[in-house]
Amino acid sequence: MAPLDLQLGQISQLAFGYWHAQVLFSATGLGVFDALADGPLPGDAVAERCGLPAEPCRRLLDAATALRLLVRDQATGEYGNTPAAQRLLTSASPESLTPWVKVMGRWYGPWGDLGEALRLGRAVEHRGSRLGDDPAYAEDFILGMHAYNSRTAQALADALPEPGPGPLRIADVGGGAGTYSIALCKAWGEARAEVVDLAAVLPIAEATVAGAGLADRITVREGDYYRDSFGADLDVVLLSNVLHQESRENGLDILRRARAALRPGGRVLVHGHFLEESRTAPAFTTLHNLSALVLWSGGRSYTAAEMAELMADAGFADVDVRRTPEPSARLLVGHRAADTR
């Protein structure tokens, strides 16, 4: 293929990308994969289970087949899930990403207003809609992030050395479903954690923690990280996928209150996706940077150096940048010096 054709193909792929995504979002949201969870069915039967007219449903099924989300038996005409769809896109699967895909489907709306967000310089969806104002959205958001982050949370926790003997006290600030509290408590045998988050999030966290068998070691507490204390004399304050949602000023205030909550020698763990110094890579984080604009007024992606500087400004010493199981993510570890407060 000539270079011009390659360029045309690349641009076409980008331009048609949302067509592909909408097939995934619609098939997930309408229950197509769940309808096929027990085995292949004719198109009319899928339509009936999903409450759709038969002919439009077959169009969706055919597109999903073309995108290798479904398979179609040419002899019987029946549709079935691919192994990947059965494992990752059916609600009953222990590896299901269905809640996360539903969240990405919801974010199609604000991402469609990216131009407006750029003109306004602020988010085009209010964060409250996914943090309690809309209970169904909040549940999809919290469980979706849990489903996505659970893929790598345990590997991240297992790679961290346990900080000293005795029962460790952890505050997981903005901890959502408790994904990382669960992982840390599994990695650190005597650790106890408290998930600090908004009231609408806590029942979801309680259920997730109970499902992991850790209700005796992980508690939940209502707290607003814009104003509330994170605790006192803690060993660890965890801020995972939190600070990209905030302005530098808010991030500095959160970090200062994290430091105030730690005992001398305690650590703050700042986890998230960071830009390289060029700010043009990794590609995912450049898109994450735009997502922060669209969804979180004041939010942005940082370079690891920028975050380390912010942590130093908040009073943390010896900030260490560590790689994580996700290529675009990093873990920054800062210490509260023993001789200052």
Protein backbone atom coordinates (compact mmCIF):
# COMPACT_ATOMS: atom_id res chain seq x y z
CA MET A 1 0.00 0.00 0.00
CA ALA A 2 1.32 3.45 -0.93
CA PRO A 3 2.15 5.89 1.89
CA LEU A 4 -0.85 8.05 0.98
CA ASP A 5 -3.15 5.03 1.30
CA LEU A 6 -1.63 4.27 4.71
CA GLN A 7 -2.35 7.83 5.82
CA LEU A 8 -5.89 7.63 4.48
CA GLY A 9 -6.43 4.32 6.28
CA GLN A 10 -5.20 5.78 9.56
CA ILE A 11 -7.48 8.82 9.30
CA SER A 12 -10.43 6.65 8.28
CA GLN A 13 -9.85 4.36 11.24
CA LEU A 14 -9.89 7.34 13.60
CA ALA A 15 -12.97 8.86 11.95
CA PHE A 16 -14.94 5.61 12.12
CA GLY A 17 -13.73 4.74 15.60
CA TYR A 18 -16.89 5.84 17.36
CA TRP A 19 -18.95 3.54 15.11
CA HIS A 20 -17.04 0.58 16.52
CA ALA A 21 -17.35 1.86 20.07
CA GLN A 22 -21.09 2.38 19.78
CA VAL A 23 -21.60 -1.23 18.72
CA LEU A 24 -19.81 -2.34 21.90
CA PHE A 25 -21.67 0.14 24.10
CA SER A 26 -25.08 -0.64 22.64
CA ALA A 27 -24.64 -4.41 22.69
CA THR A 28 -23.52 -4.22 26.32
CA GLY A 29 -26.17 -1.79 27.49
CA LEU A 30 -29.00 -3.63 25.70
CA GLY A 31 -27.96 -6.96 27.18
CA VAL A 32 -26.89 -8.80 24.02
CA PHE A 33 -23.95 -10.60 25.63
CA ASP A 34 -26.00 -11.59 28.66
CA ALA A 35 -28.76 -12.89 26.36
CA LEU A 36 -26.19 -15.23 24.81
CA ALA A 37 -24.44 -16.19 28.05
CA ASP A 38 -26.09 -19.63 28.17
CA GLY A 39 -25.41 -20.45 24.53
CA PRO A 40 -26.11 -19.47 20.90
CA LEU A 41 -29.54 -18.24 19.83
CA PRO A 42 -31.27 -17.20 16.61
CA GLY A 43 -31.38 -13.47 16.01
CA ASP A 44 -35.12 -13.26 16.68
CA ALA A 45 -34.66 -14.87 20.10
CA VAL A 46 -31.90 -12.38 20.99
CA ALA A 47 -34.17 -9.53 19.91
CA GLU A 48 -36.98 -10.85 22.12
CA ARG A 49 -34.72 -11.20 25.16
CA CYS A 50 -33.36 -7.68 24.65
CA GLY A 51 -36.76 -6.11 23.93
CA LEU A 52 -35.76 -4.99 20.43
CA PRO A 53 -37.42 -5.18 17.01
CA ALA A 54 -36.00 -8.21 15.18
CA GLU A 55 -34.61 -6.57 12.05
CA PRO A 56 -32.71 -3.70 13.72
CA CYS A 57 -31.38 -6.18 16.29
CA ARG A 58 -29.96 -8.38 13.53
CA ARG A 59 -28.09 -5.36 12.16
CA LEU A 60 -26.46 -4.90 15.57
CA LEU A 61 -25.67 -8.62 15.83
CA ASP A 62 -24.11 -8.66 12.37
CA ALA A 63 -21.95 -5.63 13.17
CA ALA A 64 -20.88 -7.20 16.47
CA THR A 65 -19.97 -10.35 14.53
CA ALA A 66 -17.91 -8.32 12.06
CA LEU A 67 -16.09 -6.74 15.02
CA ARG A 68 -15.37 -10.22 16.47
CA LEU A 69 -17.49 -9.70 19.54
CA LEU A 70 -19.92 -12.40 18.39
CA VAL A 71 -19.77 -15.44 16.12
CA ARG A 72 -22.49 -16.59 13.72
CA ASP A 73 -23.07 -20.18 12.68
CA GLN A 74 -23.53 -20.06 8.92
CA ALA A 75 -25.52 -23.30 8.91
CA THR A 76 -28.04 -22.48 11.65
CA GLY A 77 -27.87 -18.68 11.60
CA GLU A 78 -27.45 -18.63 15.38
CA TYR A 79 -25.32 -16.02 17.11
CA GLY A 80 -23.02 -16.71 20.06
CA ASN A 81 -20.50 -14.92 22.24
CA THR A 82 -16.84 -15.19 21.40
CA PRO A 83 -14.72 -16.58 24.25
CA ALA A 84 -13.52 -13.04 25.02
CA ALA A 85 -17.08 -11.67 25.14
CA GLN A 86 -18.22 -14.56 27.33
CA ARG A 87 -15.36 -13.92 29.77
CA LEU A 88 -15.33 -10.11 29.81
CA LEU A 89 -18.76 -8.87 28.70
CA THR A 90 -21.28 -11.07 30.49
CA SER A 91 -22.50 -9.76 33.83
CA ALA A 92 -22.16 -13.03 35.73
CA SER A 93 -18.53 -13.60 34.79
CA PRO A 94 -16.07 -13.00 37.66
CA GLU A 95 -13.90 -11.12 35.15
CA SER A 96 -16.75 -9.02 33.77
CA LEU A 97 -15.92 -5.54 32.50
CA THR A 98 -19.60 -4.79 31.85
CA PRO A 99 -19.88 -1.96 34.43
CA TRP A 100 -16.75 -0.29 33.04
CA VAL A 101 -17.99 -0.57 29.44
CA LYS A 102 -21.28 1.00 30.55
CA VAL A 103 -19.36 3.92 32.05
CA MET A 104 -17.40 4.37 28.84
CA GLY A 105 -20.73 4.37 27.01
CA ARG A 106 -22.02 7.11 29.29
CA TRP A 107 -18.86 9.13 28.69
CA TYR A 108 -19.53 9.05 24.94
CA GLY A 109 -21.90 11.99 25.59
CA PRO A 110 -19.45 14.42 27.23
CA TRP A 111 -16.64 13.29 24.94
CA GLY A 112 -18.92 14.22 22.04
CA ASP A 113 -18.84 17.75 23.48
CA LEU A 114 -15.04 17.89 23.57
CA GLY A 115 -15.00 20.97 21.33
CA GLU A 116 -17.30 22.78 23.75
CA ALA A 117 -15.13 21.75 26.73
CA LEU A 118 -12.09 23.15 24.92
CA ARG A 119 -13.87 26.41 24.17
CA LEU A 120 -15.12 26.76 27.75
CA GLY A 121 -11.97 25.39 29.40
CA ARG A 122 -14.05 23.30 31.80
CA ALA A 123 -16.01 20.08 32.14
CA VAL A 124 -19.25 19.59 30.23
CA GLU A 125 -20.69 17.03 32.69
CA HIS A 126 -21.15 17.75 36.38
CA ARG A 127 -19.19 15.34 38.57
CA GLY A 128 -22.14 15.04 40.94
CA SER A 129 -24.06 13.00 38.37
CA ARG A 130 -21.63 10.10 38.80
CA LEU A 131 -20.95 10.63 42.50
CA GLY A 132 -24.46 10.38 43.92
CA ASP A 133 -26.92 12.67 42.15
CA ASP A 134 -27.80 9.83 39.74
CA PRO A 135 -27.65 6.59 41.78
CA ALA A 136 -27.59 4.29 38.73
CA TYR A 137 -24.74 6.27 37.19
CA ALA A 138 -22.85 6.33 40.49
CA GLU A 139 -23.11 2.56 40.77
CA ASP A 140 -21.93 2.06 37.18
CA PHE A 141 -19.06 4.50 37.75
CA ILE A 142 -17.80 3.00 41.02
CA LEU A 143 -18.21 -0.62 39.95
CA GLY A 144 -16.84 0.18 36.49
CA MET A 145 -13.65 1.63 37.91
CA HIS A 146 -13.44 -1.37 40.26
CA ALA A 147 -13.78 -3.82 37.36
CA TYR A 148 -11.11 -2.00 35.35
CA ASN A 149 -8.61 -1.43 38.16
CA SER A 150 -8.97 -4.91 39.65
CA ARG A 151 -6.97 -6.23 36.69
CA THR A 152 -3.75 -4.75 38.03
CA ALA A 153 -4.40 -3.68 41.64
CA GLN A 154 -3.11 -6.86 43.25
CA ALA A 155 0.07 -6.91 41.18
CA LEU A 156 0.73 -3.31 42.20
CA ALA A 157 0.18 -4.08 45.90
CA ASP A 158 2.30 -7.24 45.78
CA ALA A 159 5.22 -5.24 44.37
CA LEU A 160 5.29 -2.89 47.38
CA PRO A 161 7.43 -3.87 50.35
CA GLU A 162 5.44 -3.95 53.59
CA PRO A 163 6.45 -0.84 55.55
CA GLY A 164 7.58 -2.23 58.88
CA PRO A 165 6.22 -4.67 61.46
CA GLY A 166 2.87 -4.58 63.19
CA PRO A 167 -0.67 -3.77 62.02
CA LEU A 168 -0.52 -0.96 59.47
CA ARG A 169 -3.22 1.72 59.34
CA ILE A 170 -4.22 2.88 55.86
CA ALA A 171 -6.59 5.61 54.69
CA ASP A 172 -7.80 5.04 51.12
CA VAL A 173 -8.96 8.54 50.20
CA GLY A 174 -11.54 8.67 47.43
CA GLY A 175 -11.20 4.89 47.48
CA GLY A 176 -14.42 4.08 45.64
CA ALA A 177 -15.25 0.38 45.86
CA GLY A 178 -12.14 -0.27 47.96
CA THR A 179 -10.25 -1.89 45.10
CA TYR A 180 -6.79 -0.92 46.32
CA SER A 181 -7.61 -1.33 50.01
CA ILE A 182 -8.54 -4.93 49.23
CA ALA A 183 -5.30 -5.45 47.31
CA LEU A 184 -3.11 -3.86 50.01
CA CYS A 185 -4.75 -5.83 52.82
CA LYS A 186 -4.20 -9.05 50.90
CA ALA A 187 -0.54 -8.14 50.29
CA TRP A 188 0.10 -6.82 53.82
CA GLY A 189 -1.13 -9.48 56.20
CA GLU A 190 -1.83 -7.33 59.28
CA ALA A 191 -2.90 -4.12 57.55
CA ARG A 192 -6.21 -2.43 58.28
CA ALA A 193 -7.71 0.11 55.91
CA GLU A 194 -10.45 2.72 55.94
CA VAL A 195 -12.09 3.80 52.69
CA VAL A 196 -12.94 7.50 52.88
CA ASP A 197 -15.48 8.57 50.26
CA LEU A 198 -18.85 10.21 49.68
CA ALA A 199 -22.02 8.80 51.24
CA ALA A 200 -23.40 7.47 47.95
CA VAL A 201 -20.26 5.39 47.42
CA LEU A 202 -20.08 3.69 50.82
CA PRO A 203 -22.74 0.96 50.36
CA ILE A 204 -20.98 -0.13 47.17
CA ALA A 205 -17.63 -0.23 48.98
CA GLU A 206 -19.12 -2.19 51.87
CA ALA A 207 -20.54 -4.80 49.50
CA THR A 208 -17.29 -5.12 47.56
CA VAL A 209 -15.20 -5.44 50.70
CA ALA A 210 -17.59 -8.03 52.14
CA GLY A 211 -17.42 -9.97 48.88
CA ALA A 212 -13.64 -10.06 49.21
CA GLY A 213 -13.97 -11.47 52.73
CA LEU A 214 -12.24 -8.46 54.32
CA ALA A 215 -15.05 -6.74 56.24
CA ASP A 216 -13.14 -7.37 59.48
CA ARG A 217 -10.11 -5.41 58.25
CA ILE A 218 -11.54 -2.74 55.94
CA THR A 219 -14.04 -0.16 57.15
CA VAL A 220 -15.71 2.73 55.35
CA ARG A 221 -16.26 6.32 56.46
CA GLU A 222 -18.09 9.20 54.86
CA GLY A 223 -15.70 11.98 53.99
CA ASP A 224 -15.28 14.79 51.48
CA TYR A 225 -11.64 15.07 50.46
CA TYR A 226 -12.07 18.79 49.83
CA ARG A 227 -12.50 19.53 53.52
CA ASP A 228 -12.48 16.52 55.87
CA SER A 229 -9.66 14.97 57.85
CA PHE A 230 -8.23 11.69 56.59
CA GLY A 231 -7.41 10.47 60.10
CA ALA A 232 -4.44 10.72 62.45
CA ASP A 233 -1.18 8.83 63.08
CA LEU A 234 -1.67 6.75 59.94
CA ASP A 235 1.03 4.64 58.33
CA VAL A 236 -0.20 5.08 54.76
CA VAL A 237 -2.49 7.48 52.91
CA LEU A 238 -3.43 6.19 49.48
CA LEU A 239 -4.49 8.55 46.69
CA SER A 240 -5.17 6.31 43.70
CA ASN A 241 -6.57 7.87 40.52
CA VAL A 242 -7.66 10.92 42.49
CA LEU A 243 -5.37 13.87 41.82
CA HIS A 244 -5.86 13.94 38.04
CA GLN A 245 -9.43 15.02 38.83
CA GLU A 246 -8.26 18.16 40.61
CA SER A 247 -6.61 21.51 39.99
CA ARG A 248 -3.09 22.01 41.26
CA GLU A 249 -4.45 24.08 44.15
CA ASN A 250 -6.91 21.41 45.23
CA GLY A 251 -4.30 18.70 44.78
CA LEU A 252 -1.85 20.59 47.00
CA ASP A 253 -4.49 20.97 49.72
CA ILE A 254 -5.36 17.25 49.56
CA LEU A 255 -1.69 16.30 49.83
CA ARG A 256 -1.15 18.63 52.79
CA ARG A 257 -4.06 17.03 54.64
CA ALA A 258 -2.68 13.62 53.74
CA ARG A 259 0.61 14.62 55.35
CA ALA A 260 -1.16 15.92 58.43
CA ALA A 261 -2.89 12.54 58.83
CA LEU A 262 0.37 10.54 58.77
CA ARG A 263 2.60 9.63 61.67
CA PRO A 264 6.24 10.76 61.36
CA GLY A 265 7.81 8.41 58.83
CA GLY A 266 4.43 7.54 57.30
CA ARG A 267 3.99 7.39 53.55
CA VAL A 268 1.64 8.81 50.94
CA LEU A 269 1.09 6.68 47.84
CA VAL A 270 0.02 8.64 44.76
CA HIS A 271 -1.05 6.35 41.95
CA GLY A 272 -2.28 7.30 38.49
CA HIS A 273 -1.49 7.76 34.81
CA PHE A 274 1.32 10.21 34.07
CA LEU A 275 2.57 11.97 30.95
CA GLU A 276 6.13 11.71 29.73
CA GLU A 277 8.14 14.92 29.80
CA SER A 278 7.29 15.60 26.13
CA ARG A 279 3.59 15.59 27.10
CA THR A 280 2.83 13.78 23.80
CA ALA A 281 3.14 10.24 25.20
CA PRO A 282 1.93 7.76 26.28
CA ALA A 283 -0.99 8.12 23.88
CA PHE A 284 -3.44 6.85 26.51
CA THR A 285 -2.42 9.52 29.00
CA THR A 286 -2.72 12.31 26.43
CA LEU A 287 -6.33 11.15 25.98
CA HIS A 288 -6.70 10.82 29.74
CA ASN A 289 -5.64 14.46 29.95
CA LEU A 290 -8.54 15.43 27.67
CA SER A 291 -10.89 13.20 29.66
CA ALA A 292 -9.92 15.10 32.81
CA LEU A 293 -10.93 18.33 31.04
CA VAL A 294 -14.24 16.93 29.79
CA LEU A 295 -15.28 15.27 33.05
CA TRP A 296 -13.52 17.01 35.96
CA SER A 297 -13.37 20.81 36.00
CA GLY A 298 -9.83 21.76 36.96
CA GLY A 299 -8.55 18.23 36.33
CA ARG A 300 -5.46 17.43 34.28
CA SER A 301 -2.78 14.81 33.76
CA TYR A 302 0.64 15.50 35.27
CA THR A 303 4.13 14.37 34.45
CA ALA A 304 5.73 12.34 37.23
CA ALA A 305 8.15 15.22 37.81
CA GLU A 306 5.29 17.70 38.19
CA MET A 307 3.57 15.45 40.70
CA ALA A 308 6.79 14.89 42.64
CA GLU A 309 7.21 18.68 42.82
CA LEU A 310 3.63 19.07 44.06
CA MET A 311 4.27 16.43 46.73
CA ALA A 312 7.46 18.22 47.79
CA ASP A 313 5.54 21.51 48.00
CA ALA A 314 3.09 19.73 50.34
CA GLY A 315 5.99 18.80 52.60
CA PHE A 316 6.82 15.25 51.52
CA ALA A 317 10.44 14.16 51.42
CA ASP A 318 12.35 11.59 49.35
CA VAL A 319 9.66 11.20 46.69
CA ASP A 320 10.26 7.99 44.78
CA VAL A 321 8.75 7.25 41.33
CA ARG A 322 8.01 3.59 40.65
CA ARG A 323 6.76 1.70 37.62
CA THR A 324 3.50 -0.23 37.83
CA PRO A 325 1.87 -3.14 35.97
CA GLU A 326 0.14 -0.62 33.66
CA PRO A 327 2.69 0.90 31.26
CA SER A 328 1.22 4.41 31.42
CA ALA A 329 0.78 4.43 35.21
CA ARG A 330 3.24 5.25 37.98
CA LEU A 331 3.28 5.08 41.77
CA LEU A 332 4.88 7.98 43.63
CA VAL A 333 5.85 7.35 47.23
CA GLY A 334 6.47 10.29 49.55
CA HIS A 335 7.52 10.26 53.21
CA ARG A 336 6.58 12.50 56.07
CA ALA A 337 9.84 13.48 57.64
CA ALA A 338 10.15 12.56 61.31
CA ASP A 339 11.33 15.99 62.48
CA THR A 340 8.67 18.23 60.92
CA ARG A 341 4.88 18.38 60.83
